[in-house]
N, C-alpha and C. Protein backbone atom coordinates (compact mmCIF):
# COMPACT_ATOMS: atom_id res chain seq x y z
N MET A 1 80.32 -20.85 249.38
CA MET A 1 79.96 -20.69 247.97
C MET A 1 78.54 -21.15 247.73
N LEU A 2 78.10 -22.14 248.46
CA LEU A 2 76.75 -22.66 248.28
C LEU A 2 75.70 -21.60 248.56
N SER A 3 75.87 -20.82 249.63
CA SER A 3 74.89 -19.78 249.94
C SER A 3 74.85 -18.70 248.87
N VAL A 4 76.02 -18.41 248.29
CA VAL A 4 76.08 -17.42 247.21
C VAL A 4 75.32 -17.94 246.00
N MET A 5 75.53 -19.19 245.66
CA MET A 5 74.85 -19.77 244.50
C MET A 5 73.35 -19.88 244.75
N ALA A 6 72.94 -20.08 246.00
CA ALA A 6 71.51 -20.14 246.32
C ALA A 6 70.85 -18.80 246.06
N GLN A 7 71.61 -17.73 246.19
CA GLN A 7 71.07 -16.39 245.97
C GLN A 7 71.35 -15.88 244.55
N ALA A 8 71.96 -16.69 243.73
CA ALA A 8 72.35 -16.28 242.39
C ALA A 8 71.15 -15.93 241.54
N LYS A 9 71.36 -15.01 240.62
CA LYS A 9 70.33 -14.60 239.67
C LYS A 9 70.60 -15.25 238.33
N ARG A 10 69.54 -15.66 237.68
CA ARG A 10 69.66 -16.29 236.37
C ARG A 10 69.75 -15.19 235.30
N ALA A 11 70.61 -15.43 234.31
CA ALA A 11 70.76 -14.51 233.19
C ALA A 11 70.95 -15.33 231.92
N THR A 12 70.45 -14.79 230.83
CA THR A 12 70.66 -15.44 229.54
C THR A 12 71.82 -14.73 228.87
N VAL A 13 72.83 -15.50 228.52
CA VAL A 13 74.02 -14.96 227.86
C VAL A 13 74.23 -15.75 226.59
N TYR A 14 74.46 -15.06 225.50
CA TYR A 14 74.70 -15.72 224.22
C TYR A 14 76.20 -15.72 223.95
N LEU A 15 76.78 -16.90 223.81
CA LEU A 15 78.21 -17.05 223.55
C LEU A 15 78.44 -17.54 222.14
N GLU A 16 79.57 -17.14 221.59
CA GLU A 16 79.98 -17.69 220.30
C GLU A 16 80.16 -19.20 220.49
N PRO A 17 79.82 -19.98 219.48
CA PRO A 17 79.92 -21.43 219.62
C PRO A 17 81.29 -21.92 220.08
N THR A 18 82.37 -21.35 219.56
CA THR A 18 83.70 -21.80 219.96
C THR A 18 84.00 -21.44 221.41
N LEU A 19 83.54 -20.27 221.85
CA LEU A 19 83.73 -19.89 223.26
C LEU A 19 82.93 -20.81 224.17
N HIS A 20 81.72 -21.12 223.77
CA HIS A 20 80.88 -22.00 224.58
C HIS A 20 81.52 -23.39 224.72
N ARG A 21 82.03 -23.91 223.62
CA ARG A 21 82.68 -25.21 223.63
C ARG A 21 83.92 -25.18 224.53
N ALA A 22 84.72 -24.13 224.41
CA ALA A 22 85.92 -24.00 225.24
C ALA A 22 85.56 -23.88 226.71
N LEU A 23 84.52 -23.15 226.99
CA LEU A 23 84.06 -22.97 228.37
C LEU A 23 83.60 -24.30 228.96
N ARG A 24 82.84 -25.08 228.18
CA ARG A 24 82.38 -26.39 228.66
C ARG A 24 83.55 -27.34 228.90
N VAL A 25 84.54 -27.32 228.00
CA VAL A 25 85.72 -28.17 228.17
C VAL A 25 86.49 -27.76 229.42
N LYS A 26 86.69 -26.45 229.60
CA LYS A 26 87.39 -25.95 230.78
C LYS A 26 86.66 -26.35 232.06
N ALA A 27 85.34 -26.25 232.05
CA ALA A 27 84.55 -26.63 233.21
C ALA A 27 84.73 -28.12 233.52
N ALA A 28 84.70 -28.94 232.49
CA ALA A 28 84.86 -30.38 232.70
C ALA A 28 86.26 -30.73 233.18
N GLU A 29 87.26 -30.08 232.62
CA GLU A 29 88.65 -30.38 232.99
C GLU A 29 88.98 -29.94 234.41
N THR A 30 88.35 -28.85 234.86
CA THR A 30 88.70 -28.28 236.16
C THR A 30 87.69 -28.63 237.25
N ASP A 31 86.64 -29.36 236.86
CA ASP A 31 85.58 -29.72 237.81
C ASP A 31 84.98 -28.48 238.47
N VAL A 32 84.81 -27.45 237.67
CA VAL A 32 84.19 -26.19 238.10
C VAL A 32 83.02 -25.95 237.16
N SER A 33 81.93 -25.46 237.68
CA SER A 33 80.75 -25.25 236.82
C SER A 33 80.98 -24.10 235.84
N VAL A 34 80.25 -24.15 234.74
CA VAL A 34 80.29 -23.06 233.76
C VAL A 34 79.91 -21.76 234.44
N SER A 35 78.90 -21.79 235.31
CA SER A 35 78.48 -20.58 236.02
C SER A 35 79.62 -20.00 236.85
N GLU A 36 80.35 -20.85 237.54
CA GLU A 36 81.48 -20.37 238.35
C GLU A 36 82.56 -19.75 237.48
N LEU A 37 82.85 -20.37 236.34
CA LEU A 37 83.86 -19.82 235.43
C LEU A 37 83.43 -18.46 234.90
N VAL A 38 82.16 -18.34 234.53
CA VAL A 38 81.66 -17.06 234.01
C VAL A 38 81.67 -16.01 235.12
N ASN A 39 81.22 -16.37 236.32
CA ASN A 39 81.25 -15.43 237.44
C ASN A 39 82.67 -14.96 237.72
N ASP A 40 83.63 -15.89 237.72
CA ASP A 40 85.02 -15.53 237.97
C ASP A 40 85.54 -14.57 236.90
N ALA A 41 85.21 -14.84 235.64
CA ALA A 41 85.66 -13.99 234.55
C ALA A 41 85.08 -12.59 234.65
N VAL A 42 83.79 -12.49 234.97
CA VAL A 42 83.15 -11.19 235.11
C VAL A 42 83.74 -10.45 236.31
N ARG A 43 83.91 -11.15 237.41
CA ARG A 43 84.50 -10.55 238.61
C ARG A 43 85.90 -10.01 238.30
N PHE A 44 86.71 -10.79 237.58
CA PHE A 44 88.06 -10.38 237.21
C PHE A 44 88.02 -9.11 236.35
N ARG A 45 87.11 -9.08 235.38
CA ARG A 45 87.02 -7.92 234.48
C ARG A 45 86.57 -6.67 235.23
N LEU A 46 85.62 -6.83 236.14
CA LEU A 46 85.16 -5.69 236.94
C LEU A 46 86.27 -5.19 237.86
N ALA A 47 87.07 -6.11 238.40
CA ALA A 47 88.20 -5.70 239.25
C ALA A 47 89.22 -4.91 238.44
N GLU A 48 89.46 -5.32 237.19
CA GLU A 48 90.36 -4.57 236.32
C GLU A 48 89.84 -3.16 236.10
N ASP A 49 88.53 -3.05 235.86
CA ASP A 49 87.92 -1.73 235.67
C ASP A 49 88.08 -0.88 236.92
N ALA A 50 87.90 -1.47 238.09
CA ALA A 50 88.05 -0.74 239.35
C ALA A 50 89.49 -0.25 239.51
N GLU A 51 90.46 -1.08 239.13
CA GLU A 51 91.87 -0.67 239.19
C GLU A 51 92.13 0.49 238.24
N ASP A 52 91.58 0.42 237.04
CA ASP A 52 91.74 1.51 236.07
C ASP A 52 91.15 2.81 236.61
N LEU A 53 89.95 2.72 237.16
CA LEU A 53 89.31 3.92 237.71
C LEU A 53 90.13 4.52 238.84
N GLU A 54 90.71 3.68 239.67
CA GLU A 54 91.56 4.16 240.77
C GLU A 54 92.80 4.84 240.21
N ALA A 55 93.39 4.28 239.18
CA ALA A 55 94.57 4.89 238.56
C ALA A 55 94.22 6.25 237.96
N PHE A 56 93.06 6.35 237.32
CA PHE A 56 92.62 7.64 236.78
C PHE A 56 92.43 8.65 237.89
N ARG A 57 91.83 8.22 239.00
CA ARG A 57 91.58 9.12 240.12
C ARG A 57 92.90 9.64 240.68
N ILE A 58 93.87 8.76 240.84
CA ILE A 58 95.17 9.14 241.39
C ILE A 58 95.89 10.11 240.45
N ARG A 59 95.79 9.87 239.15
CA ARG A 59 96.52 10.69 238.18
C ARG A 59 95.78 11.94 237.77
N ALA A 60 94.55 12.13 238.24
CA ALA A 60 93.74 13.27 237.82
C ALA A 60 94.39 14.60 238.16
N LYS A 61 95.20 14.64 239.20
CA LYS A 61 95.81 15.90 239.64
C LYS A 61 97.18 16.14 239.00
N GLU A 62 97.65 15.22 238.19
CA GLU A 62 98.93 15.41 237.52
C GLU A 62 98.82 16.51 236.48
N PRO A 63 99.90 17.26 236.29
CA PRO A 63 99.85 18.30 235.25
C PRO A 63 99.71 17.67 233.87
N THR A 64 99.09 18.37 232.98
CA THR A 64 98.89 17.86 231.62
C THR A 64 99.70 18.70 230.63
N SER A 65 99.91 18.14 229.47
CA SER A 65 100.61 18.82 228.39
C SER A 65 99.94 18.42 227.09
N SER A 66 99.88 19.37 226.17
CA SER A 66 99.27 19.05 224.88
C SER A 66 100.23 18.18 224.06
N PHE A 67 99.67 17.48 223.13
CA PHE A 67 100.47 16.63 222.25
C PHE A 67 101.48 17.48 221.47
N GLU A 68 101.03 18.66 221.03
CA GLU A 68 101.90 19.55 220.27
C GLU A 68 103.11 19.97 221.12
N ASN A 69 102.88 20.29 222.41
CA ASN A 69 103.99 20.65 223.29
C ASN A 69 104.93 19.48 223.50
N LEU A 70 104.39 18.30 223.61
CA LEU A 70 105.21 17.10 223.78
C LEU A 70 106.11 16.89 222.57
N VAL A 71 105.55 17.00 221.38
CA VAL A 71 106.31 16.81 220.15
C VAL A 71 107.38 17.90 220.04
N SER A 72 107.03 19.15 220.33
CA SER A 72 108.00 20.25 220.28
C SER A 72 109.15 20.00 221.25
N ASP A 73 108.83 19.55 222.46
CA ASP A 73 109.85 19.28 223.46
C ASP A 73 110.76 18.14 223.01
N LEU A 74 110.20 17.08 222.44
CA LEU A 74 111.01 15.97 221.95
C LEU A 74 111.94 16.42 220.82
N LYS A 75 111.43 17.28 219.94
CA LYS A 75 112.26 17.81 218.85
C LYS A 75 113.39 18.68 219.40
N ARG A 76 113.05 19.52 220.39
CA ARG A 76 114.03 20.43 220.99
C ARG A 76 115.16 19.64 221.65
N ARG A 77 114.82 18.51 222.24
CA ARG A 77 115.82 17.67 222.92
C ARG A 77 116.49 16.67 221.97
N GLY A 78 116.17 16.74 220.68
CA GLY A 78 116.80 15.86 219.70
C GLY A 78 116.30 14.43 219.75
N LYS A 79 115.14 14.21 220.32
CA LYS A 79 114.59 12.85 220.40
C LYS A 79 113.76 12.50 219.17
N LEU A 80 113.39 13.51 218.43
CA LEU A 80 112.63 13.28 217.17
C LEU A 80 113.36 13.93 216.01
């Protein structure tokens, strides 16, 4: 982790005061730096985006149906 932090880039981020306070408290309670917490949060969010993109890619070949057809089918089957 030290070598990663040595190569880290500085960025200015503006946080809401309550978020900043919560982040500082979390850092103090967990003995983890604010930078590490922010990096972890960004990494987690980007991983979620990557998962979403993969799901879209996998489902891209699925057949589609219009909303109107879906509603008509639900009505025909007595679901609406």
